[in-house]
């Protein structure tokens, strides 16, 4: 089981996201108010704080949202979750892992600064099965 340490949105694709602290996951859509919502398989992105800390150790001044993830977690090995895993997020929301990592077509600013980026390898994507509010401090757990 992990916990949410940031809930992040951005008004446009291709930019860092800002931690807004809370939001609403909408069924088959994504995080309300975020540019990446839609009826596709990558509705919500998650990245572990432990992954962000790897980049901090490389000397980068980065934090939650800087990798364009919607939900930053702590205490959960996200990248080890197989596609199809269901996650209970907060008290009501449910998501299903649809993709682990992503192809980085254009090297982002973080890649150019550090020569590497964790999101393409360690970020995961879910589609929203059950909607509901999510906020910093909520739990994220695998549903067997």
Protein backbone atom coordinates (compact mmCIF):
# COMPACT_ATOMS: atom_id res chain seq x y z
CA UNK A 1 0.00 0.00 0.00
CA UNK A 2 1.18 3.49 -0.81
CA UNK A 3 -0.05 7.00 -0.28
CA UNK A 4 -0.59 10.04 -2.45
CA UNK A 5 1.86 12.85 -1.87
CA UNK A 6 0.75 15.06 -4.79
CA UNK A 7 -2.21 15.46 -7.15
CA UNK A 8 -1.05 17.41 -10.20
CA UNK A 9 -2.66 19.02 -13.24
CA UNK A 10 -1.65 21.20 -16.16
CA UNK A 11 -3.76 23.22 -18.61
CA UNK A 12 -1.77 22.00 -21.66
CA UNK A 13 0.15 18.90 -22.72
CA UNK A 14 3.93 19.09 -22.81
CA UNK A 15 4.38 21.07 -19.63
CA UNK A 16 5.15 20.35 -16.01
CA UNK A 17 2.15 19.89 -13.77
CA UNK A 18 1.35 21.78 -10.57
CA UNK A 19 0.41 20.06 -7.31
CA UNK A 20 -3.17 21.17 -6.65
CA UNK A 21 -3.51 18.88 -3.61
CA UNK A 22 -6.80 17.27 -4.61
CA UNK A 23 -8.98 16.47 -7.58
CA UNK A 24 -11.65 14.22 -8.99
CA UNK A 25 -11.05 11.12 -11.07
CA UNK A 26 -13.76 10.83 -13.73
CA UNK A 27 -14.78 7.42 -15.14
CA UNK A 28 -13.18 6.69 -18.54
CA UNK A 29 -11.87 10.26 -18.68
CA UNK A 30 -9.08 10.98 -16.17
CA UNK A 31 -8.27 13.70 -13.65
CA UNK A 32 -10.77 16.52 -13.99
CA UNK A 33 -9.16 19.72 -15.27
CA UNK A 34 -6.02 18.09 -16.66
CA UNK A 35 -4.89 18.37 -20.28
CA UNK A 36 -4.28 14.61 -20.62
CA UNK A 37 -7.87 13.52 -19.97
CA UNK A 38 -9.78 11.65 -22.63
CA UNK A 39 -11.20 8.34 -23.72
CA UNK A 40 -7.88 6.56 -24.18
CA UNK A 41 -5.73 4.12 -22.21
CA UNK A 42 -3.46 6.74 -20.59
CA UNK A 43 -6.07 8.76 -18.68
CA UNK A 44 -4.04 9.22 -15.48
CA UNK A 45 -0.29 8.95 -14.92
CA UNK A 46 1.39 7.92 -11.68
CA UNK A 47 5.02 8.22 -10.63
CA UNK A 48 6.63 7.23 -7.34
CA UNK A 49 8.42 9.84 -5.23
CA UNK A 50 11.20 7.27 -4.96
CA UNK A 51 11.71 7.67 -8.73
CA UNK A 52 11.79 11.46 -8.43
CA UNK A 53 14.37 11.14 -5.66
CA UNK A 54 16.67 9.28 -8.11
CA UNK A 55 16.70 12.41 -10.28
CA UNK A 56 17.24 14.64 -7.24
CA UNK A 57 20.32 12.57 -6.38
CA UNK A 58 21.61 13.36 -9.89
CA UNK A 59 21.54 17.02 -8.86
CA UNK A 60 18.26 18.09 -10.41
CA UNK A 61 15.92 20.44 -8.59
CA UNK A 62 12.72 18.51 -9.37
CA UNK A 63 9.67 17.45 -7.43
CA UNK A 64 6.11 16.17 -7.81
CA UNK A 65 4.50 17.22 -11.09
CA UNK A 66 7.78 18.03 -12.83
CA UNK A 67 7.59 14.78 -14.82
CA UNK A 68 4.01 15.59 -15.91
CA UNK A 69 2.56 12.89 -13.66
CA UNK A 70 -0.95 13.34 -12.27
CA UNK A 71 -0.47 11.43 -9.03
CA UNK A 72 2.79 11.16 -7.13
CA UNK A 73 2.87 8.22 -4.73
CA UNK A 74 5.14 7.07 -1.95
CA UNK A 75 5.74 3.58 -0.54
CA UNK A 76 4.57 1.56 -3.54
CA UNK A 77 6.66 -0.09 -6.28
CA UNK A 78 4.52 1.12 -9.19
CA UNK A 79 6.73 -0.15 -12.00
CA UNK A 80 6.43 -3.75 -10.76
CA UNK A 81 2.64 -3.75 -11.12
CA UNK A 82 1.54 -5.74 -14.16
CA UNK A 83 -0.83 -4.33 -16.76
CA UNK A 84 -4.37 -5.16 -15.63
CA UNK A 85 -3.66 -4.52 -11.93
CA UNK A 86 -6.51 -2.67 -10.24
CA UNK A 87 -5.75 0.13 -7.82
CA UNK A 88 -8.08 1.60 -5.20
CA UNK A 89 -7.21 5.29 -5.00
CA UNK A 90 -8.64 7.20 -2.08
CA UNK A 91 -12.02 6.17 -0.72
CA UNK A 92 -13.95 5.64 -3.97
CA UNK A 93 -11.85 5.73 -7.12
CA UNK A 94 -10.59 2.64 -8.92
CA UNK A 95 -8.10 2.50 -11.76
CA UNK A 96 -6.66 -0.24 -13.94
CA UNK A 97 -3.01 -0.22 -15.00
CA UNK A 98 -2.89 0.00 -18.80
CA UNK A 99 0.75 0.79 -19.50
CA UNK A 100 4.14 0.75 -17.77
CA UNK A 101 6.48 3.46 -18.99
CA UNK A 102 6.20 5.23 -22.31
CA UNK A 103 8.22 6.02 -25.35
CA UNK A 104 9.78 9.47 -25.15
CA UNK A 105 9.56 10.78 -28.72
CA UNK A 106 11.11 14.14 -27.94
CA UNK A 107 13.69 14.46 -25.21
CA UNK A 108 12.30 16.67 -22.45
CA UNK A 109 14.19 19.41 -20.63
CA UNK A 110 14.89 17.03 -17.75
CA UNK A 111 16.54 14.53 -20.10
CA UNK A 112 18.73 17.28 -21.55
CA UNK A 113 19.77 18.43 -18.06
CA UNK A 114 20.54 15.00 -16.60
CA UNK A 115 21.00 12.72 -19.60
CA UNK A 116 18.13 10.58 -18.30
CA UNK A 117 14.49 10.76 -17.23
CA UNK A 118 12.53 8.39 -14.99
CA UNK A 119 9.02 8.86 -16.41
CA UNK A 120 9.53 6.79 -19.61
CA UNK A 121 10.79 3.83 -17.56
CA UNK A 122 9.08 4.12 -14.18
CA UNK A 123 5.83 6.01 -14.73
CA UNK A 124 2.62 4.02 -15.06
CA UNK A 125 -0.71 4.82 -16.65
CA UNK A 126 -4.24 3.87 -15.67
CA UNK A 127 -7.75 4.22 -16.97
CA UNK A 128 -10.41 5.23 -14.47
CA UNK A 129 -12.98 2.49 -13.74
CA UNK A 130 -14.71 4.15 -10.78
CA UNK A 131 -14.54 7.88 -10.20
CA UNK A 132 -14.21 9.82 -7.01
CA UNK A 133 -12.24 12.43 -5.12
CA UNK A 134 -8.51 11.98 -4.51
CA UNK A 135 -6.24 14.07 -2.32
CA UNK A 136 -2.82 14.23 -0.76
CA UNK A 137 -2.64 11.70 2.10
CA UNK A 138 -5.09 9.23 0.51
CA UNK A 139 -4.01 5.61 0.18
CA UNK A 140 -3.32 3.73 -3.04
CA UNK A 141 -3.65 -0.04 -2.78
CA UNK A 142 -3.71 -3.03 -5.07
CA UNK A 143 -7.11 -4.71 -5.26
CA UNK A 144 -6.74 -8.49 -5.48
